[in-house]
Amino acid sequence: MTETSAETTTATGVVLTDPAAEKVASLLAQEGRDDLALRVAVQPGGCSGLRYQLFFDERSLDGDVVQEYGSGVKVVTDRMSVPYLAGATIDFVDTIEKQGFTIDNPNAGGSCACGESFH
């Protein structure tokens, strides 16, 4: 079990683990910008009906849910995606087999083999 004391969440929020927040902060530092947030969204598509999108965004949309983490990282979720992502945990994995962000979503009724879409 990893230490999760720096994680913050709300009833409608996405949880960003410490390793994920550190990776996002590192990527933002490489970009050299402090006006970007990590936007987490759900879009139609994928073999299971819905797919996740993670990208840096400078926009602020009406109804966005914004969460800030101790490392200055902001996670933004649009109002349409909030119900699909409430309580989802984003982690960053860096092993020999796999490197990248993972999403553990308690709202997903099922997922595909690639792990990038759900229903």
C-alpha atoms as a PDB file:
ATOM      1  CA  MET A   1       0.000   0.000   0.000  1.00  0.00           C
ATOM      2  CA  THR A   2       1.347   3.421  -0.880  1.00  0.00           C
ATOM      3  CA  GLU A   3       1.209   6.523   1.264  1.00  0.00           C
ATOM      4  CA  THR A   4      -1.838   8.556   0.273  1.00  0.00           C
ATOM      5  CA  SER A   5      -1.787  11.415   2.763  1.00  0.00           C
ATOM      6  CA  ALA A   6      -1.372  14.084   0.063  1.00  0.00           C
ATOM      7  CA  GLU A   7      -4.376  12.874  -1.908  1.00  0.00           C
ATOM      8  CA  THR A   8      -7.443  15.046  -1.818  1.00  0.00           C
ATOM      9  CA  THR A   9     -10.862  14.350  -3.200  1.00  0.00           C
ATOM     10  CA  THR A  10     -14.427  15.539  -3.072  1.00  0.00           C
ATOM     11  CA  ALA A  11     -17.656  13.635  -3.550  1.00  0.00           C
ATOM     12  CA  THR A  12     -17.563  14.542  -7.237  1.00  0.00           C
ATOM     13  CA  GLY A  13     -13.816  14.499  -7.708  1.00  0.00           C
ATOM     14  CA  VAL A  14     -11.055  12.508  -9.273  1.00  0.00           C
ATOM     15  CA  VAL A  15      -8.280  11.295  -6.955  1.00  0.00           C
ATOM     16  CA  LEU A  16      -4.733  11.880  -8.176  1.00  0.00           C
ATOM     17  CA  THR A  17      -2.176   9.704  -6.371  1.00  0.00           C
ATOM     18  CA  ASP A  18       1.147  11.140  -5.254  1.00  0.00           C
ATOM     19  CA  PRO A  19       3.135   9.410  -8.072  1.00  0.00           C
ATOM     20  CA  ALA A  20       0.641  10.715 -10.643  1.00  0.00           C
ATOM     21  CA  ALA A  21       0.762  14.260  -9.227  1.00  0.00           C
ATOM     22  CA  GLU A  22       4.585  14.154  -9.293  1.00  0.00           C
ATOM     23  CA  LYS A  23       4.583  12.986 -12.924  1.00  0.00           C
ATOM     24  CA  VAL A  24       2.099  15.686 -13.947  1.00  0.00           C
ATOM     25  CA  ALA A  25       4.208  18.320 -12.162  1.00  0.00           C
ATOM     26  CA  SER A  26       7.300  17.014 -13.970  1.00  0.00           C
ATOM     27  CA  LEU A  27       5.572  17.148 -17.367  1.00  0.00           C
ATOM     28  CA  LEU A  28       4.328  20.671 -16.678  1.00  0.00           C
ATOM     29  CA  ALA A  29       7.864  21.736 -15.738  1.00  0.00           C
ATOM     30  CA  GLN A  30       9.099  20.340 -19.068  1.00  0.00           C
ATOM     31  CA  GLU A  31       6.437  22.411 -20.843  1.00  0.00           C
ATOM     32  CA  GLY A  32       7.657  25.477 -18.962  1.00  0.00           C
ATOM     33  CA  ARG A  33       4.120  26.656 -18.284  1.00  0.00           C
ATOM     34  CA  ASP A  34       2.209  27.184 -15.074  1.00  0.00           C
ATOM     35  CA  ASP A  35      -1.149  28.035 -16.671  1.00  0.00           C
ATOM     36  CA  LEU A  36      -2.031  24.457 -17.643  1.00  0.00           C
ATOM     37  CA  ALA A  37      -4.207  21.955 -15.811  1.00  0.00           C
ATOM     38  CA  LEU A  38      -4.625  18.225 -16.331  1.00  0.00           C
ATOM     39  CA  ARG A  39      -8.050  17.820 -17.909  1.00  0.00           C
ATOM     40  CA  VAL A  40      -9.730  14.457 -17.398  1.00  0.00           C
ATOM     41  CA  ALA A  41     -12.701  13.804 -19.647  1.00  0.00           C
ATOM     42  CA  VAL A  42     -14.934  11.041 -20.909  1.00  0.00           C
ATOM     43  CA  GLN A  43     -15.715  10.942 -24.634  1.00  0.00           C
ATOM     44  CA  PRO A  44     -17.841   8.613 -26.763  1.00  0.00           C
ATOM     45  CA  GLY A  45     -15.751   5.953 -28.484  1.00  0.00           C
ATOM     46  CA  GLY A  46     -13.619   2.943 -27.853  1.00  0.00           C
ATOM     47  CA  CYS A  47     -14.767  -0.656 -28.075  1.00  0.00           C
ATOM     48  CA  SER A  48     -16.811  -0.387 -24.860  1.00  0.00           C
ATOM     49  CA  GLY A  49     -18.674   2.847 -25.606  1.00  0.00           C
ATOM     50  CA  LEU A  50     -16.740   5.495 -23.635  1.00  0.00           C
ATOM     51  CA  ARG A  51     -13.069   6.343 -23.471  1.00  0.00           C
ATOM     52  CA  TYR A  52     -10.897   8.435 -21.186  1.00  0.00           C
ATOM     53  CA  GLN A  53      -9.019  11.521 -22.256  1.00  0.00           C
ATOM     54  CA  LEU A  54      -6.136  13.009 -20.283  1.00  0.00           C
ATOM     55  CA  PHE A  55      -4.522  16.156 -21.628  1.00  0.00           C
ATOM     56  CA  PHE A  56      -3.115  19.509 -20.576  1.00  0.00           C
ATOM     57  CA  ASP A  57      -5.552  22.354 -21.027  1.00  0.00           C
ATOM     58  CA  GLU A  58      -5.430  26.097 -20.475  1.00  0.00           C
ATOM     59  CA  ARG A  59      -9.178  26.569 -20.918  1.00  0.00           C
ATOM     60  CA  SER A  60     -11.702  27.077 -18.163  1.00  0.00           C
ATOM     61  CA  LEU A  61     -15.153  25.806 -19.106  1.00  0.00           C
ATOM     62  CA  ASP A  62     -18.446  26.650 -17.445  1.00  0.00           C
ATOM     63  CA  GLY A  63     -19.223  23.973 -14.859  1.00  0.00           C
ATOM     64  CA  ASP A  64     -15.660  22.654 -14.533  1.00  0.00           C
ATOM     65  CA  VAL A  65     -14.778  20.888 -11.289  1.00  0.00           C
ATOM     66  CA  VAL A  66     -11.241  21.920 -10.316  1.00  0.00           C
ATOM     67  CA  GLN A  67      -9.098  20.175  -7.716  1.00  0.00           C
ATOM     68  CA  GLU A  68      -5.662  21.339  -6.628  1.00  0.00           C
ATOM     69  CA  TYR A  69      -2.874  19.188  -5.263  1.00  0.00           C
ATOM     70  CA  GLY A  70       0.055  20.194  -3.060  1.00  0.00           C
ATOM     71  CA  SER A  71       2.537  20.209  -5.931  1.00  0.00           C
ATOM     72  CA  GLY A  72       0.611  22.980  -7.709  1.00  0.00           C
ATOM     73  CA  VAL A  73      -1.109  20.508 -10.016  1.00  0.00           C
ATOM     74  CA  LYS A  74      -4.698  21.230 -11.002  1.00  0.00           C
ATOM     75  CA  VAL A  75      -7.060  18.494 -12.180  1.00  0.00           C
ATOM     76  CA  VAL A  76     -10.068  19.715 -14.156  1.00  0.00           C
ATOM     77  CA  THR A  77     -13.164  17.696 -15.063  1.00  0.00           C
ATOM     78  CA  ASP A  78     -15.950  19.063 -17.251  1.00  0.00           C
ATOM     79  CA  ARG A  79     -19.491  18.903 -15.902  1.00  0.00           C
ATOM     80  CA  MET A  80     -20.578  16.209 -18.395  1.00  0.00           C
ATOM     81  CA  SER A  81     -17.734  13.882 -17.355  1.00  0.00           C
ATOM     82  CA  VAL A  82     -18.108  14.334 -13.577  1.00  0.00           C
ATOM     83  CA  PRO A  83     -20.778  11.611 -13.095  1.00  0.00           C
ATOM     84  CA  TYR A  84     -18.627   9.079 -14.979  1.00  0.00           C
ATOM     85  CA  LEU A  85     -15.452   9.945 -13.065  1.00  0.00           C
ATOM     86  CA  ALA A  86     -16.653  10.539  -9.480  1.00  0.00           C
ATOM     87  CA  GLY A  87     -14.288   8.657  -7.196  1.00  0.00           C
ATOM     88  CA  ALA A  88     -11.966   7.520 -10.004  1.00  0.00           C
ATOM     89  CA  THR A  89      -8.283   7.235  -9.080  1.00  0.00           C
ATOM     90  CA  ILE A  90      -5.522   8.248 -11.496  1.00  0.00           C
ATOM     91  CA  ASP A  91      -2.135   6.709 -10.807  1.00  0.00           C
ATOM     92  CA  PHE A  92       1.190   6.693 -12.632  1.00  0.00           C
ATOM     93  CA  VAL A  93       2.881   3.329 -13.111  1.00  0.00           C
ATOM     94  CA  ASP A  94       6.537   3.000 -14.073  1.00  0.00           C
ATOM     95  CA  THR A  95       7.589  -0.647 -14.277  1.00  0.00           C
ATOM     96  CA  ILE A  96       9.457  -2.805 -16.773  1.00  0.00           C
ATOM     97  CA  GLU A  97       6.166  -4.042 -18.206  1.00  0.00           C
ATOM     98  CA  LYS A  98       4.303  -0.747 -18.341  1.00  0.00           C
ATOM     99  CA  GLN A  99       4.728   2.990 -18.044  1.00  0.00           C
ATOM    100  CA  GLY A 100       1.888   5.470 -18.022  1.00  0.00           C
ATOM    101  CA  PHE A 101      -1.196   6.749 -16.304  1.00  0.00           C
ATOM    102  CA  THR A 102      -3.831   4.291 -15.138  1.00  0.00           C
ATOM    103  CA  ILE A 103      -7.425   4.997 -14.151  1.00  0.00           C
ATOM    104  CA  ASP A 104      -9.282   2.929 -11.586  1.00  0.00           C
ATOM    105  CA  ASN A 105     -12.922   3.893 -12.032  1.00  0.00           C
ATOM    106  CA  PRO A 106     -15.573   2.452  -9.682  1.00  0.00           C
ATOM    107  CA  ASN A 107     -18.289   3.755 -12.057  1.00  0.00           C
ATOM    108  CA  ALA A 108     -17.195   1.620 -15.016  1.00  0.00           C
ATOM    109  CA  GLY A 109     -19.622  -1.244 -15.604  1.00  0.00           C
ATOM    110  CA  GLY A 110     -17.021  -3.067 -17.653  1.00  0.00           C
ATOM    111  CA  SER A 111     -13.940  -2.336 -19.715  1.00  0.00           C
ATOM    112  CA  CYS A 112     -12.183  -3.530 -22.821  1.00  0.00           C
ATOM    113  CA  ALA A 113      -8.954  -5.516 -23.041  1.00  0.00           C
ATOM    114  CA  CYS A 114      -6.855  -2.421 -23.782  1.00  0.00           C
ATOM    115  CA  GLY A 115      -8.126  -0.684 -20.636  1.00  0.00           C
ATOM    116  CA  GLU A 116      -8.758   2.573 -22.463  1.00  0.00           C
ATOM    117  CA  SER A 117     -12.538   2.390 -22.733  1.00  0.00           C
ATOM    118  CA  PHE A 118     -15.446   1.378 -20.555  1.00  0.00           C
ATOM    119  CA  HIS A 119     -19.233   1.295 -20.352  1.00  0.00           C
END
